[in-house]
Amino acid sequence: MVQIRAMTKNDLAAVSRLLGQSWRRTYSPIMGEDATARLSDEKHAPDKLAAELADDNKMSFVAERTDGSIAGYAMAAMDENGDVTLNRLHIEPQEFGSGLAVDLLHAVLAAHAGIPSIALEVIEGNDRAVAFYRKHGFEVVERRPAAHGVGGHASLIMRRLLPMA
């Protein structure tokens, strides 16, 4: 059994590990091991995650197993215009196909009820993620150079319209 809840400071180390492993597994074949490790270590350090957690414009969720271990993580941010972007959604590989990623996605969507749409960015070549997001109502609306600073690797911007209350 897994519970979706708001992330706390106590989760920082576990989430940092989960992100590092997920990034290396997913992006090393696309960007190379060195670039992936460097970017992940920079972006997913516990102090960076702590700063995000303290930011009122960002909402972070974890999926916690009954033994207290973290099986998944999602974070969305709202900008000054009220636009929401799903910045991260990562789960442990043993949870693939379990519905956990959908549960995390639904937690993010529920937390942002009343907004017109939600966007996300996926590095081109992350076919598993693109297929997942398409299945859950996201469509590619733009292709652009990767925000992660990796030359030659485009990103796909995907957006899902949300029902208005």
N, C-alpha and C. Protein backbone atom coordinates (compact mmCIF):
# COMPACT_ATOMS: atom_id res chain seq x y z
N MET A 1 0.84 -1.19 0.00
CA MET A 1 0.00 0.00 0.00
C MET A 1 0.89 1.25 0.00
N VAL A 2 0.49 2.22 -0.78
CA VAL A 2 1.25 3.46 -0.90
C VAL A 2 0.32 4.63 -0.64
N GLN A 3 0.81 5.62 0.12
CA GLN A 3 0.05 6.82 0.43
C GLN A 3 0.70 8.01 -0.27
N ILE A 4 -0.10 8.82 -0.95
CA ILE A 4 0.38 10.05 -1.55
C ILE A 4 0.17 11.16 -0.53
N ARG A 5 1.24 11.92 -0.26
CA ARG A 5 1.16 13.01 0.71
C ARG A 5 2.10 14.14 0.31
N ALA A 6 1.94 15.28 0.96
CA ALA A 6 2.84 16.41 0.72
C ALA A 6 4.24 16.02 1.21
N MET A 7 5.24 16.44 0.46
CA MET A 7 6.62 16.19 0.83
C MET A 7 7.00 17.06 2.04
N THR A 8 7.88 16.53 2.89
CA THR A 8 8.39 17.28 4.04
C THR A 8 9.92 17.27 3.99
N LYS A 9 10.53 18.04 4.88
CA LYS A 9 11.99 18.09 4.97
C LYS A 9 12.57 16.71 5.26
N ASN A 10 11.83 15.88 5.97
CA ASN A 10 12.31 14.53 6.29
C ASN A 10 12.48 13.66 5.05
N ASP A 11 11.89 14.06 3.94
CA ASP A 11 11.95 13.28 2.70
C ASP A 11 13.10 13.68 1.78
N LEU A 12 13.82 14.75 2.10
CA LEU A 12 14.81 15.31 1.18
C LEU A 12 15.85 14.30 0.71
N ALA A 13 16.46 13.57 1.60
CA ALA A 13 17.51 12.63 1.21
C ALA A 13 16.95 11.52 0.33
N ALA A 14 15.81 10.98 0.70
CA ALA A 14 15.21 9.89 -0.08
C ALA A 14 14.79 10.37 -1.47
N VAL A 15 14.23 11.55 -1.55
CA VAL A 15 13.81 12.08 -2.85
C VAL A 15 15.04 12.39 -3.70
N SER A 16 16.08 12.93 -3.11
CA SER A 16 17.32 13.20 -3.85
C SER A 16 17.88 11.91 -4.46
N ARG A 17 17.88 10.84 -3.67
CA ARG A 17 18.34 9.53 -4.17
C ARG A 17 17.46 9.02 -5.30
N LEU A 18 16.15 9.09 -5.10
CA LEU A 18 15.20 8.62 -6.11
C LEU A 18 15.41 9.38 -7.42
N LEU A 19 15.52 10.71 -7.35
CA LEU A 19 15.72 11.51 -8.55
C LEU A 19 17.03 11.17 -9.24
N GLY A 20 18.09 11.03 -8.47
CA GLY A 20 19.39 10.70 -9.05
C GLY A 20 19.36 9.37 -9.79
N GLN A 21 18.77 8.38 -9.18
CA GLN A 21 18.69 7.05 -9.81
C GLN A 21 17.79 7.10 -11.05
N SER A 22 16.66 7.80 -10.94
CA SER A 22 15.73 7.87 -12.06
C SER A 22 16.36 8.61 -13.24
N TRP A 23 17.01 9.73 -12.96
CA TRP A 23 17.67 10.49 -14.04
C TRP A 23 18.74 9.66 -14.72
N ARG A 24 19.58 9.00 -13.93
CA ARG A 24 20.66 8.21 -14.53
C ARG A 24 20.10 7.08 -15.39
N ARG A 25 19.07 6.42 -14.90
CA ARG A 25 18.45 5.31 -15.63
C ARG A 25 17.80 5.81 -16.93
N THR A 26 17.11 6.93 -16.85
CA THR A 26 16.34 7.44 -17.98
C THR A 26 17.18 8.20 -18.99
N TYR A 27 18.05 9.07 -18.51
CA TYR A 27 18.72 10.01 -19.40
C TYR A 27 20.14 9.64 -19.81
N SER A 28 20.79 8.72 -19.12
CA SER A 28 22.15 8.33 -19.55
C SER A 28 22.19 7.83 -20.99
N PRO A 29 21.22 7.00 -21.43
CA PRO A 29 21.24 6.57 -22.83
C PRO A 29 21.01 7.71 -23.83
N ILE A 30 20.38 8.79 -23.38
CA ILE A 30 20.06 9.91 -24.26
C ILE A 30 21.18 10.95 -24.25
N MET A 31 21.64 11.33 -23.05
CA MET A 31 22.60 12.43 -22.91
C MET A 31 24.02 11.99 -22.57
N GLY A 32 24.19 10.71 -22.25
CA GLY A 32 25.50 10.23 -21.81
C GLY A 32 25.57 10.24 -20.29
N GLU A 33 26.36 9.32 -19.77
CA GLU A 33 26.44 9.15 -18.31
C GLU A 33 27.00 10.37 -17.59
N ASP A 34 28.07 10.96 -18.11
CA ASP A 34 28.71 12.08 -17.42
C ASP A 34 27.79 13.30 -17.34
N ALA A 35 27.19 13.68 -18.47
CA ALA A 35 26.29 14.84 -18.48
C ALA A 35 25.09 14.60 -17.58
N THR A 36 24.55 13.40 -17.63
CA THR A 36 23.38 13.08 -16.81
C THR A 36 23.73 13.16 -15.33
N ALA A 37 24.85 12.56 -14.93
CA ALA A 37 25.25 12.58 -13.53
C ALA A 37 25.51 14.01 -13.05
N ARG A 38 26.21 14.79 -13.86
CA ARG A 38 26.52 16.18 -13.49
C ARG A 38 25.24 16.99 -13.29
N LEU A 39 24.33 16.90 -14.24
CA LEU A 39 23.08 17.66 -14.15
C LEU A 39 22.23 17.19 -12.97
N SER A 40 22.14 15.89 -12.78
CA SER A 40 21.33 15.37 -11.69
C SER A 40 21.92 15.78 -10.34
N ASP A 41 23.23 15.63 -10.19
CA ASP A 41 23.85 16.01 -8.92
C ASP A 41 23.63 17.48 -8.60
N GLU A 42 23.65 18.31 -9.64
CA GLU A 42 23.45 19.74 -9.48
C GLU A 42 22.00 20.08 -9.15
N LYS A 43 21.07 19.50 -9.88
CA LYS A 43 19.66 19.86 -9.75
C LYS A 43 18.93 19.16 -8.61
N HIS A 44 19.42 18.00 -8.19
CA HIS A 44 18.66 17.17 -7.25
C HIS A 44 19.33 17.03 -5.88
N ALA A 45 20.28 17.90 -5.59
CA ALA A 45 20.93 17.87 -4.27
C ALA A 45 19.88 18.22 -3.21
N PRO A 46 20.00 17.63 -2.02
CA PRO A 46 19.02 17.91 -0.96
C PRO A 46 18.83 19.40 -0.68
N ASP A 47 19.90 20.21 -0.75
CA ASP A 47 19.73 21.65 -0.47
C ASP A 47 18.89 22.33 -1.56
N LYS A 48 19.03 21.88 -2.82
CA LYS A 48 18.20 22.44 -3.90
C LYS A 48 16.74 22.05 -3.70
N LEU A 49 16.53 20.79 -3.32
CA LEU A 49 15.16 20.33 -3.07
C LEU A 49 14.55 21.05 -1.87
N ALA A 50 15.37 21.34 -0.85
CA ALA A 50 14.88 22.06 0.33
C ALA A 50 14.42 23.46 -0.06
N ALA A 51 15.18 24.12 -0.94
CA ALA A 51 14.79 25.46 -1.41
C ALA A 51 13.47 25.40 -2.17
N GLU A 52 13.30 24.38 -2.99
CA GLU A 52 12.04 24.22 -3.72
C GLU A 52 10.88 23.98 -2.76
N LEU A 53 11.14 23.18 -1.74
CA LEU A 53 10.11 22.85 -0.76
C LEU A 53 9.65 24.11 -0.01
N ALA A 54 10.56 25.04 0.19
CA ALA A 54 10.24 26.28 0.90
C ALA A 54 9.56 27.32 0.00
N ASP A 55 9.53 27.08 -1.30
CA ASP A 55 8.96 28.01 -2.26
C ASP A 55 7.43 27.81 -2.31
N ASP A 56 6.70 28.86 -1.96
CA ASP A 56 5.23 28.78 -1.92
C ASP A 56 4.60 28.55 -3.29
N ASN A 57 5.35 28.78 -4.36
CA ASN A 57 4.83 28.58 -5.71
C ASN A 57 5.07 27.17 -6.22
N LYS A 58 5.66 26.32 -5.40
CA LYS A 58 5.93 24.94 -5.79
C LYS A 58 5.25 23.99 -4.81
N MET A 59 4.70 22.91 -5.36
CA MET A 59 4.06 21.89 -4.54
C MET A 59 4.72 20.56 -4.84
N SER A 60 5.15 19.88 -3.79
CA SER A 60 5.83 18.59 -3.94
C SER A 60 5.05 17.51 -3.21
N PHE A 61 4.97 16.36 -3.86
CA PHE A 61 4.27 15.21 -3.30
C PHE A 61 5.18 14.00 -3.32
N VAL A 62 5.02 13.12 -2.34
CA VAL A 62 5.73 11.85 -2.34
C VAL A 62 4.72 10.72 -2.22
N ALA A 63 5.14 9.57 -2.71
CA ALA A 63 4.39 8.34 -2.53
C ALA A 63 5.17 7.52 -1.51
N GLU A 64 4.57 7.34 -0.35
CA GLU A 64 5.25 6.66 0.75
C GLU A 64 4.66 5.27 0.97
N ARG A 65 5.54 4.29 1.00
CA ARG A 65 5.12 2.91 1.29
C ARG A 65 4.85 2.77 2.79
N THR A 66 4.18 1.69 3.16
CA THR A 66 3.86 1.46 4.58
C THR A 66 5.12 1.32 5.43
N ASP A 67 6.25 0.92 4.83
CA ASP A 67 7.50 0.82 5.59
C ASP A 67 8.23 2.16 5.71
N GLY A 68 7.63 3.23 5.16
CA GLY A 68 8.21 4.56 5.25
C GLY A 68 9.12 4.93 4.09
N SER A 69 9.40 3.99 3.20
CA SER A 69 10.27 4.29 2.06
C SER A 69 9.50 5.08 1.00
N ILE A 70 10.22 5.88 0.25
CA ILE A 70 9.62 6.72 -0.79
C ILE A 70 9.67 5.98 -2.12
N ALA A 71 8.50 5.80 -2.73
CA ALA A 71 8.39 5.06 -3.99
C ALA A 71 8.21 5.98 -5.19
N GLY A 72 7.89 7.25 -4.94
CA GLY A 72 7.67 8.18 -6.04
C GLY A 72 7.64 9.61 -5.55
N TYR A 73 7.75 10.52 -6.52
CA TYR A 73 7.83 11.95 -6.21
C TYR A 73 7.31 12.75 -7.40
N ALA A 74 6.60 13.83 -7.11
CA ALA A 74 6.15 14.76 -8.15
C ALA A 74 6.24 16.18 -7.61
N MET A 75 6.56 17.12 -8.51
CA MET A 75 6.62 18.53 -8.12
C MET A 75 6.10 19.37 -9.27
N ALA A 76 5.24 20.34 -8.92
CA ALA A 76 4.70 21.28 -9.90
C ALA A 76 4.94 22.69 -9.39
N ALA A 77 5.12 23.61 -10.34
CA ALA A 77 5.38 25.00 -9.99
C ALA A 77 4.40 25.91 -10.72
N MET A 78 4.01 26.98 -10.03
CA MET A 78 3.15 27.99 -10.63
C MET A 78 3.99 29.25 -10.83
N ASP A 79 3.91 29.83 -12.03
CA ASP A 79 4.68 31.05 -12.29
C ASP A 79 3.85 32.28 -11.94
N GLU A 80 4.44 33.46 -12.17
CA GLU A 80 3.78 34.72 -11.79
C GLU A 80 2.50 34.98 -12.58
N ASN A 81 2.31 34.29 -13.71
CA ASN A 81 1.09 34.43 -14.51
C ASN A 81 0.01 33.44 -14.12
N GLY A 82 0.31 32.56 -13.16
CA GLY A 82 -0.66 31.55 -12.75
C GLY A 82 -0.61 30.29 -13.58
N ASP A 83 0.40 30.17 -14.46
CA ASP A 83 0.55 28.96 -15.27
C ASP A 83 1.28 27.90 -14.45
N VAL A 84 0.81 26.67 -14.55
CA VAL A 84 1.39 25.57 -13.77
C VAL A 84 2.14 24.63 -14.70
N THR A 85 3.33 24.23 -14.23
CA THR A 85 4.16 23.28 -14.96
C THR A 85 4.48 22.11 -14.03
N LEU A 86 4.23 20.91 -14.51
CA LEU A 86 4.66 19.71 -13.80
C LEU A 86 6.15 19.56 -14.11
N ASN A 87 6.98 19.84 -13.13
CA ASN A 87 8.44 19.82 -13.35
C ASN A 87 9.04 18.44 -13.17
N ARG A 88 8.44 17.63 -12.32
CA ARG A 88 9.01 16.30 -12.06
C ARG A 88 7.92 15.30 -11.71
N LEU A 89 8.09 14.09 -12.22
CA LEU A 89 7.28 12.96 -11.79
C LEU A 89 8.16 11.73 -11.99
N HIS A 90 8.59 11.13 -10.88
CA HIS A 90 9.51 10.00 -10.93
C HIS A 90 9.02 8.93 -9.96
N ILE A 91 9.12 7.68 -10.39
CA ILE A 91 8.78 6.56 -9.50
C ILE A 91 9.87 5.51 -9.59
N GLU A 92 9.92 4.67 -8.57
CA GLU A 92 10.85 3.55 -8.55
C GLU A 92 10.47 2.57 -9.66
N PRO A 93 11.46 1.94 -10.31
CA PRO A 93 11.14 1.03 -11.43
C PRO A 93 10.21 -0.13 -11.04
N GLN A 94 10.31 -0.60 -9.81
CA GLN A 94 9.43 -1.71 -9.41
C GLN A 94 7.97 -1.28 -9.33
N GLU A 95 7.72 0.03 -9.40
CA GLU A 95 6.35 0.55 -9.38
C GLU A 95 5.79 0.79 -10.78
N PHE A 96 6.62 0.61 -11.83
CA PHE A 96 6.13 0.80 -13.20
C PHE A 96 4.92 -0.08 -13.42
N GLY A 97 3.87 0.50 -13.97
CA GLY A 97 2.65 -0.26 -14.26
C GLY A 97 1.72 -0.44 -13.09
N SER A 98 2.08 0.06 -11.92
CA SER A 98 1.26 -0.15 -10.71
C SER A 98 0.15 0.89 -10.55
N GLY A 99 0.21 1.97 -11.32
CA GLY A 99 -0.75 3.05 -11.15
C GLY A 99 -0.23 4.16 -10.25
N LEU A 100 0.96 3.98 -9.69
CA LEU A 100 1.52 4.98 -8.78
C LEU A 100 1.79 6.31 -9.48
N ALA A 101 2.32 6.28 -10.70
CA ALA A 101 2.57 7.52 -11.43
C ALA A 101 1.26 8.26 -11.68
N VAL A 102 0.20 7.52 -11.98
CA VAL A 102 -1.12 8.13 -12.20
C VAL A 102 -1.61 8.77 -10.90
N ASP A 103 -1.41 8.08 -9.78
CA ASP A 103 -1.83 8.63 -8.49
C ASP A 103 -1.10 9.94 -8.18
N LEU A 104 0.21 9.98 -8.46
CA LEU A 104 0.97 11.22 -8.24
C LEU A 104 0.49 12.33 -9.18
N LEU A 105 0.26 11.98 -10.43
CA LEU A 105 -0.26 12.96 -11.39
C LEU A 105 -1.60 13.51 -10.92
N HIS A 106 -2.48 12.64 -10.46
CA HIS A 106 -3.79 13.08 -9.98
C HIS A 106 -3.67 13.98 -8.76
N ALA A 107 -2.70 13.72 -7.88
CA ALA A 107 -2.48 14.59 -6.72
C ALA A 107 -2.09 15.99 -7.17
N VAL A 108 -1.22 16.07 -8.17
CA VAL A 108 -0.81 17.37 -8.71
C VAL A 108 -2.01 18.08 -9.34
N LEU A 109 -2.77 17.37 -10.15
CA LEU A 109 -3.94 17.97 -10.81
C LEU A 109 -4.96 18.45 -9.79
N ALA A 110 -5.23 17.65 -8.78
CA ALA A 110 -6.21 18.03 -7.75
C ALA A 110 -5.74 19.27 -6.98
N ALA A 111 -4.45 19.37 -6.74
CA ALA A 111 -3.91 20.52 -6.00
C ALA A 111 -4.01 21.81 -6.80
N HIS A 112 -4.19 21.68 -8.11
CA HIS A 112 -4.27 22.86 -8.98
C HIS A 112 -5.64 22.97 -9.65
N ALA A 113 -6.65 22.45 -8.99
CA ALA A 113 -8.01 22.51 -9.53
C ALA A 113 -8.39 23.97 -9.80
N GLY A 114 -9.05 24.18 -10.93
CA GLY A 114 -9.50 25.51 -11.29
C GLY A 114 -8.60 26.25 -12.25
N ILE A 115 -7.40 25.72 -12.49
CA ILE A 115 -6.54 26.34 -13.50
C ILE A 115 -6.92 25.79 -14.87
N PRO A 116 -6.68 26.54 -15.96
CA PRO A 116 -7.12 26.08 -17.27
C PRO A 116 -6.32 24.92 -17.85
N SER A 117 -5.02 24.85 -17.53
CA SER A 117 -4.21 23.77 -18.11
C SER A 117 -2.93 23.59 -17.29
N ILE A 118 -2.25 22.50 -17.57
CA ILE A 118 -0.96 22.23 -16.94
C ILE A 118 0.00 21.79 -18.05
N ALA A 119 1.23 22.25 -17.97
CA ALA A 119 2.24 21.93 -18.98
C ALA A 119 3.36 21.12 -18.34
N LEU A 120 4.20 20.55 -19.19
CA LEU A 120 5.39 19.85 -18.74
C LEU A 120 6.39 19.83 -19.87
N GLU A 121 7.63 19.50 -19.54
CA GLU A 121 8.69 19.41 -20.53
C GLU A 121 9.34 18.04 -20.40
N VAL A 122 9.51 17.37 -21.54
CA VAL A 122 10.14 16.05 -21.58
C VAL A 122 11.27 16.11 -22.60
N ILE A 123 12.43 15.60 -22.22
CA ILE A 123 13.53 15.55 -23.19
C ILE A 123 13.17 14.54 -24.27
N GLU A 124 13.29 14.97 -25.52
CA GLU A 124 12.99 14.10 -26.64
C GLU A 124 13.84 12.84 -26.53
N GLY A 125 13.21 11.71 -26.72
CA GLY A 125 13.88 10.43 -26.55
C GLY A 125 13.41 9.70 -25.30
N ASN A 126 12.74 10.40 -24.39
CA ASN A 126 12.18 9.76 -23.21
C ASN A 126 10.78 9.25 -23.59
N ASP A 127 10.80 8.23 -24.43
CA ASP A 127 9.56 7.72 -25.04
C ASP A 127 8.57 7.18 -24.02
N ARG A 128 9.06 6.57 -22.94
CA ARG A 128 8.17 6.04 -21.91
C ARG A 128 7.34 7.17 -21.31
N ALA A 129 8.00 8.29 -20.98
CA ALA A 129 7.29 9.43 -20.38
C ALA A 129 6.31 10.05 -21.37
N VAL A 130 6.75 10.23 -22.61
CA VAL A 130 5.87 10.83 -23.62
C VAL A 130 4.61 9.97 -23.77
N ALA A 131 4.77 8.66 -23.85
CA ALA A 131 3.61 7.77 -23.98
C ALA A 131 2.69 7.87 -22.76
N PHE A 132 3.29 7.91 -21.57
CA PHE A 132 2.50 8.04 -20.34
C PHE A 132 1.66 9.31 -20.36
N TYR A 133 2.31 10.43 -20.66
CA TYR A 133 1.60 11.71 -20.64
C TYR A 133 0.54 11.78 -21.73
N ARG A 134 0.82 11.24 -22.91
CA ARG A 134 -0.20 11.21 -23.97
C ARG A 134 -1.42 10.42 -23.50
N LYS A 135 -1.17 9.29 -22.87
CA LYS A 135 -2.26 8.44 -22.37
C LYS A 135 -3.14 9.18 -21.38
N HIS A 136 -2.54 10.17 -20.69
CA HIS A 136 -3.28 10.90 -19.66
C HIS A 136 -3.65 12.31 -20.08
N GLY A 137 -3.82 12.49 -21.40
CA GLY A 137 -4.43 13.70 -21.92
C GLY A 137 -3.51 14.85 -22.29
N PHE A 138 -2.20 14.64 -22.22
CA PHE A 138 -1.27 15.69 -22.61
C PHE A 138 -0.97 15.56 -24.11
N GLU A 139 -0.80 16.71 -24.74
CA GLU A 139 -0.45 16.74 -26.16
C GLU A 139 0.78 17.60 -26.36
N VAL A 140 1.61 17.23 -27.32
CA VAL A 140 2.79 18.03 -27.64
C VAL A 140 2.32 19.33 -28.29
N VAL A 141 2.77 20.45 -27.72
CA VAL A 141 2.39 21.76 -28.25
C VAL A 141 3.60 22.53 -28.78
N GLU A 142 4.81 22.05 -28.47
CA GLU A 142 6.01 22.76 -28.91
C GLU A 142 7.22 21.84 -28.81
N ARG A 143 8.18 22.07 -29.68
CA ARG A 143 9.47 21.39 -29.61
C ARG A 143 10.52 22.49 -29.55
N ARG A 144 11.46 22.41 -28.58
CA ARG A 144 12.48 23.46 -28.44
C ARG A 144 13.76 22.89 -27.85
N PRO A 145 14.85 23.67 -27.90
CA PRO A 145 16.10 23.21 -27.31
C PRO A 145 15.91 22.86 -25.84
N ALA A 146 16.62 21.87 -25.37
CA ALA A 146 16.46 21.38 -24.00
C ALA A 146 16.76 22.47 -22.97
N ALA A 147 15.89 22.60 -22.00
CA ALA A 147 16.08 23.56 -20.91
C ALA A 147 17.23 23.15 -20.01
N HIS A 148 17.63 21.90 -20.09
CA HIS A 148 18.68 21.39 -19.21
C HIS A 148 20.08 21.69 -19.72
N GLY A 149 20.18 22.44 -20.80
CA GLY A 149 21.47 22.87 -21.28
C GLY A 149 22.29 21.81 -21.99
N VAL A 150 21.65 20.77 -22.47
CA VAL A 150 22.37 19.70 -23.15
C VAL A 150 22.23 19.92 -24.65
N GLY A 151 23.31 20.35 -25.28
CA GLY A 151 23.28 20.67 -26.70
C GLY A 151 22.81 19.49 -27.55
N GLY A 152 21.95 19.79 -28.51
CA GLY A 152 21.50 18.76 -29.43
C GLY A 152 20.33 17.93 -28.96
N HIS A 153 19.85 18.17 -27.76
CA HIS A 153 18.73 17.38 -27.24
C HIS A 153 17.53 18.28 -27.05
N ALA A 154 16.59 18.14 -27.94
CA ALA A 154 15.38 18.97 -27.89
C ALA A 154 14.46 18.50 -26.78
N SER A 155 13.58 19.39 -26.37
CA SER A 155 12.54 19.08 -25.41
C SER A 155 11.19 19.19 -26.09
N LEU A 156 10.28 18.39 -25.63
CA LEU A 156 8.89 18.49 -26.05
C LEU A 156 8.12 19.16 -24.93
N ILE A 157 7.37 20.18 -25.27
CA ILE A 157 6.48 20.81 -24.31
C ILE A 157 5.11 20.19 -24.54
N MET A 158 4.55 19.64 -23.48
CA MET A 158 3.25 19.00 -23.55
C MET A 158 2.29 19.76 -22.64
N ARG A 159 1.02 19.78 -23.01
CA ARG A 159 0.02 20.51 -22.23
C ARG A 159 -1.26 19.69 -22.17
N ARG A 160 -1.92 19.79 -21.03
CA ARG A 160 -3.23 19.15 -20.85
C ARG A 160 -4.22 20.22 -20.38
N LEU A 161 -5.30 20.34 -21.12
CA LEU A 161 -6.39 21.24 -20.69
C LEU A 161 -7.11 20.58 -19.52
N LEU A 162 -7.51 21.37 -18.56
CA LEU A 162 -8.19 20.85 -17.39
C LEU A 162 -9.63 21.34 -17.36
N PRO A 163 -10.53 20.51 -16.83
CA PRO A 163 -11.92 20.95 -16.77
C PRO A 163 -12.06 22.12 -15.81
N MET A 164 -12.85 23.09 -16.21
CA MET A 164 -13.09 24.24 -15.35
C MET A 164 -14.26 23.91 -14.43
N ALA A 165 -14.14 24.32 -13.19
CA ALA A 165 -15.17 24.00 -12.20
C ALA A 165 -16.44 24.78 -12.43
